[in-house]
Amino acid sequence: MAQATDRLQRYLEDELGECRSEDVDRRLDELGTLEAALGAGQVEAELGVLSALANETRYTLARVLVAAGEELCVCELQAVVDVSESGLSHALSDLADAGLVEGRKDGRWKKYRATNRAVALVTVLDGSVSDE
């Protein structure tokens, strides 16, 4: 922590022209307030969502469901990804646990659709990658 504080002090000296220990303390308090506002529960929840997308199969399923804009049957999703039925079921369960897809039983069939959360994330990701 002392190294981080020393570096912060050097930064504040560059920015302010001079830096007192009160300046460092005030900035540390401000940064602590920012961190506390985020909250450990929020970080954990967001990491759960990001972890659900951090796998090619799950990410592909989420993207396909967002692109479809409608429910798709598990049998249709099976045709999209090259995994076993058990692997597909596990991937869809992980996505559902993260709030990215919702599933429902329709007679003998299980259907899934993307949630608004998945649509928002895919939209953001679409805008974050350049076509270079």
C-alpha atoms as a PDB file:
ATOM      1  CA  MET A   1       0.000   0.000   0.000  1.00  0.00           C
ATOM      2  CA  ALA A   2       2.908   2.347   0.753  1.00  0.00           C
ATOM      3  CA  GLN A   3       4.175   1.999  -2.814  1.00  0.00           C
ATOM      4  CA  ALA A   4       0.719   2.858  -4.181  1.00  0.00           C
ATOM      5  CA  THR A   5       0.501   5.857  -1.850  1.00  0.00           C
ATOM      6  CA  ASP A   6       3.966   7.057  -2.913  1.00  0.00           C
ATOM      7  CA  ARG A   7       3.001   6.774  -6.550  1.00  0.00           C
ATOM      8  CA  LEU A   8      -0.278   8.612  -5.918  1.00  0.00           C
ATOM      9  CA  GLN A   9       1.653  11.379  -4.179  1.00  0.00           C
ATOM     10  CA  ARG A  10       4.004  11.735  -7.181  1.00  0.00           C
ATOM     11  CA  TYR A  11       0.990  11.868  -9.496  1.00  0.00           C
ATOM     12  CA  LEU A  12      -0.732  14.544  -7.414  1.00  0.00           C
ATOM     13  CA  GLU A  13       2.496  16.565  -7.294  1.00  0.00           C
ATOM     14  CA  ASP A  14       2.574  16.492 -11.103  1.00  0.00           C
ATOM     15  CA  GLU A  15      -1.089  17.457 -11.356  1.00  0.00           C
ATOM     16  CA  LEU A  16      -1.243  20.056  -8.586  1.00  0.00           C
ATOM     17  CA  GLY A  17       2.305  21.398  -8.695  1.00  0.00           C
ATOM     18  CA  GLU A  18       2.696  20.476  -5.046  1.00  0.00           C
ATOM     19  CA  CYS A  19       1.247  17.799  -2.815  1.00  0.00           C
ATOM     20  CA  ARG A  20       0.702  17.613   0.916  1.00  0.00           C
ATOM     21  CA  SER A  21      -0.197  14.530   2.898  1.00  0.00           C
ATOM     22  CA  GLU A  22      -3.714  15.984   3.279  1.00  0.00           C
ATOM     23  CA  ASP A  23      -4.067  15.966  -0.527  1.00  0.00           C
ATOM     24  CA  VAL A  24      -3.132  12.288  -0.637  1.00  0.00           C
ATOM     25  CA  ASP A  25      -5.488  11.449   2.241  1.00  0.00           C
ATOM     26  CA  ARG A  26      -8.367  13.339   0.603  1.00  0.00           C
ATOM     27  CA  ARG A  27      -7.807  11.560  -2.709  1.00  0.00           C
ATOM     28  CA  LEU A  28      -7.596   8.164  -1.003  1.00  0.00           C
ATOM     29  CA  ASP A  29     -10.918   8.913   0.738  1.00  0.00           C
ATOM     30  CA  GLU A  30     -12.490   9.859  -2.624  1.00  0.00           C
ATOM     31  CA  LEU A  31     -11.208   6.665  -4.231  1.00  0.00           C
ATOM     32  CA  GLY A  32     -12.430   4.602  -1.286  1.00  0.00           C
ATOM     33  CA  THR A  33     -15.903   6.114  -1.672  1.00  0.00           C
ATOM     34  CA  LEU A  34     -15.928   5.121  -5.360  1.00  0.00           C
ATOM     35  CA  GLU A  35     -14.928   1.570  -4.504  1.00  0.00           C
ATOM     36  CA  ALA A  36     -17.496   1.287  -1.709  1.00  0.00           C
ATOM     37  CA  ALA A  37     -20.270   2.570  -3.971  1.00  0.00           C
ATOM     38  CA  LEU A  38     -19.641  -0.316  -6.323  1.00  0.00           C
ATOM     39  CA  GLY A  39     -20.075  -2.910  -3.588  1.00  0.00           C
ATOM     40  CA  ALA A  40     -18.728  -6.445  -3.419  1.00  0.00           C
ATOM     41  CA  GLY A  41     -22.112  -7.947  -4.320  1.00  0.00           C
ATOM     42  CA  GLN A  42     -22.279  -5.906  -7.505  1.00  0.00           C
ATOM     43  CA  VAL A  43     -18.782  -6.971  -8.544  1.00  0.00           C
ATOM     44  CA  GLU A  44     -19.590 -10.620  -7.849  1.00  0.00           C
ATOM     45  CA  ALA A  45     -22.836 -10.470  -9.851  1.00  0.00           C
ATOM     46  CA  GLU A  46     -21.185  -8.769 -12.806  1.00  0.00           C
ATOM     47  CA  LEU A  47     -18.311 -11.245 -12.801  1.00  0.00           C
ATOM     48  CA  GLY A  48     -20.867 -14.060 -12.877  1.00  0.00           C
ATOM     49  CA  VAL A  49     -22.403 -12.604 -16.034  1.00  0.00           C
ATOM     50  CA  LEU A  50     -19.027 -12.069 -17.665  1.00  0.00           C
ATOM     51  CA  SER A  51     -17.900 -15.564 -16.675  1.00  0.00           C
ATOM     52  CA  ALA A  52     -20.975 -17.019 -18.326  1.00  0.00           C
ATOM     53  CA  LEU A  53     -19.904 -15.408 -21.592  1.00  0.00           C
ATOM     54  CA  ALA A  54     -16.242 -16.391 -21.236  1.00  0.00           C
ATOM     55  CA  ASN A  55     -16.684 -19.668 -23.072  1.00  0.00           C
ATOM     56  CA  GLU A  56     -17.058 -20.117 -26.825  1.00  0.00           C
ATOM     57  CA  THR A  57     -20.126 -22.352 -26.608  1.00  0.00           C
ATOM     58  CA  ARG A  58     -22.003 -20.143 -24.148  1.00  0.00           C
ATOM     59  CA  TYR A  59     -21.049 -16.960 -25.982  1.00  0.00           C
ATOM     60  CA  THR A  60     -22.153 -18.420 -29.321  1.00  0.00           C
ATOM     61  CA  LEU A  61     -25.473 -19.503 -27.827  1.00  0.00           C
ATOM     62  CA  ALA A  62     -26.088 -16.057 -26.362  1.00  0.00           C
ATOM     63  CA  ARG A  63     -25.195 -14.340 -29.655  1.00  0.00           C
ATOM     64  CA  VAL A  64     -27.432 -16.677 -31.668  1.00  0.00           C
ATOM     65  CA  LEU A  65     -30.372 -16.153 -29.323  1.00  0.00           C
ATOM     66  CA  VAL A  66     -29.917 -12.381 -29.444  1.00  0.00           C
ATOM     67  CA  ALA A  67     -29.660 -12.437 -33.250  1.00  0.00           C
ATOM     68  CA  ALA A  68     -32.730 -14.670 -33.554  1.00  0.00           C
ATOM     69  CA  GLY A  69     -34.879 -12.236 -31.615  1.00  0.00           C
ATOM     70  CA  GLU A  70     -37.229 -15.093 -30.768  1.00  0.00           C
ATOM     71  CA  GLU A  71     -37.323 -18.354 -28.882  1.00  0.00           C
ATOM     72  CA  LEU A  72     -35.310 -21.225 -30.255  1.00  0.00           C
ATOM     73  CA  CYS A  73     -35.724 -24.870 -29.395  1.00  0.00           C
ATOM     74  CA  VAL A  74     -32.821 -26.727 -27.820  1.00  0.00           C
ATOM     75  CA  CYS A  75     -32.759 -28.923 -30.937  1.00  0.00           C
ATOM     76  CA  GLU A  76     -32.178 -25.798 -33.058  1.00  0.00           C
ATOM     77  CA  LEU A  77     -29.408 -24.630 -30.755  1.00  0.00           C
ATOM     78  CA  GLN A  78     -27.824 -28.086 -30.894  1.00  0.00           C
ATOM     79  CA  ALA A  79     -27.443 -27.593 -34.649  1.00  0.00           C
ATOM     80  CA  VAL A  80     -25.490 -24.379 -34.015  1.00  0.00           C
ATOM     81  CA  VAL A  81     -22.889 -25.589 -31.511  1.00  0.00           C
ATOM     82  CA  ASP A  82     -20.864 -28.770 -31.689  1.00  0.00           C
ATOM     83  CA  VAL A  83     -21.316 -30.072 -28.150  1.00  0.00           C
ATOM     84  CA  SER A  84     -23.057 -33.017 -26.551  1.00  0.00           C
ATOM     85  CA  GLU A  85     -26.640 -32.707 -25.309  1.00  0.00           C
ATOM     86  CA  SER A  86     -25.293 -32.661 -21.783  1.00  0.00           C
ATOM     87  CA  GLY A  87     -22.778 -29.922 -22.675  1.00  0.00           C
ATOM     88  CA  LEU A  88     -25.532 -27.890 -24.323  1.00  0.00           C
ATOM     89  CA  SER A  89     -27.801 -28.295 -21.316  1.00  0.00           C
ATOM     90  CA  HIS A  90     -25.010 -27.227 -18.966  1.00  0.00           C
ATOM     91  CA  ALA A  91     -24.150 -24.175 -21.118  1.00  0.00           C
ATOM     92  CA  LEU A  92     -27.793 -23.070 -21.258  1.00  0.00           C
ATOM     93  CA  SER A  93     -28.132 -23.569 -17.513  1.00  0.00           C
ATOM     94  CA  ASP A  94     -25.076 -21.361 -16.902  1.00  0.00           C
ATOM     95  CA  LEU A  95     -26.503 -18.671 -19.184  1.00  0.00           C
ATOM     96  CA  ALA A  96     -29.865 -18.860 -17.408  1.00  0.00           C
ATOM     97  CA  ASP A  97     -28.188 -18.614 -13.982  1.00  0.00           C
ATOM     98  CA  ALA A  98     -26.430 -15.450 -15.193  1.00  0.00           C
ATOM     99  CA  GLY A  99     -29.756 -13.974 -16.335  1.00  0.00           C
ATOM    100  CA  LEU A 100     -28.766 -13.994 -20.008  1.00  0.00           C
ATOM    101  CA  VAL A 101     -31.369 -16.457 -21.280  1.00  0.00           C
ATOM    102  CA  GLU A 102     -34.757 -17.705 -20.157  1.00  0.00           C
ATOM    103  CA  GLY A 103     -36.093 -21.139 -20.880  1.00  0.00           C
ATOM    104  CA  ARG A 104     -39.549 -22.635 -20.862  1.00  0.00           C
ATOM    105  CA  LYS A 105     -41.057 -26.006 -21.483  1.00  0.00           C
ATOM    106  CA  ASP A 106     -43.358 -26.259 -24.498  1.00  0.00           C
ATOM    107  CA  GLY A 107     -44.810 -29.756 -24.438  1.00  0.00           C
ATOM    108  CA  ARG A 108     -41.890 -32.092 -25.163  1.00  0.00           C
ATOM    109  CA  TRP A 109     -39.615 -29.239 -26.197  1.00  0.00           C
ATOM    110  CA  LYS A 110     -37.497 -26.807 -24.233  1.00  0.00           C
ATOM    111  CA  LYS A 111     -37.191 -23.332 -25.744  1.00  0.00           C
ATOM    112  CA  TYR A 112     -34.860 -20.486 -24.874  1.00  0.00           C
ATOM    113  CA  ARG A 113     -34.768 -16.785 -25.603  1.00  0.00           C
ATOM    114  CA  ALA A 114     -32.255 -14.040 -24.875  1.00  0.00           C
ATOM    115  CA  THR A 115     -33.038 -11.646 -22.045  1.00  0.00           C
ATOM    116  CA  ASN A 116     -32.743  -7.878 -22.237  1.00  0.00           C
ATOM    117  CA  ARG A 117     -29.457  -8.211 -20.342  1.00  0.00           C
ATOM    118  CA  ALA A 118     -28.023 -10.412 -23.107  1.00  0.00           C
ATOM    119  CA  VAL A 119     -29.255  -8.022 -25.798  1.00  0.00           C
ATOM    120  CA  ALA A 120     -27.637  -5.076 -23.998  1.00  0.00           C
ATOM    121  CA  LEU A 121     -24.319  -6.859 -23.553  1.00  0.00           C
ATOM    122  CA  VAL A 122     -24.170  -8.014 -27.169  1.00  0.00           C
ATOM    123  CA  THR A 123     -25.045  -4.505 -28.332  1.00  0.00           C
ATOM    124  CA  VAL A 124     -22.205  -3.051 -26.283  1.00  0.00           C
ATOM    125  CA  LEU A 125     -19.791  -5.688 -27.545  1.00  0.00           C
ATOM    126  CA  ASP A 126     -20.819  -5.038 -31.140  1.00  0.00           C
ATOM    127  CA  GLY A 127     -19.783  -1.432 -30.718  1.00  0.00           C
ATOM    128  CA  SER A 128     -16.497  -2.249 -28.971  1.00  0.00           C
ATOM    129  CA  VAL A 129     -14.748  -4.177 -31.726  1.00  0.00           C
ATOM    130  CA  SER A 130     -13.388  -2.379 -34.753  1.00  0.00           C
ATOM    131  CA  ASP A 131     -13.556  -3.907 -38.234  1.00  0.00           C
ATOM    132  CA  GLU A 132      -9.816  -3.462 -38.845  1.00  0.00           C
END
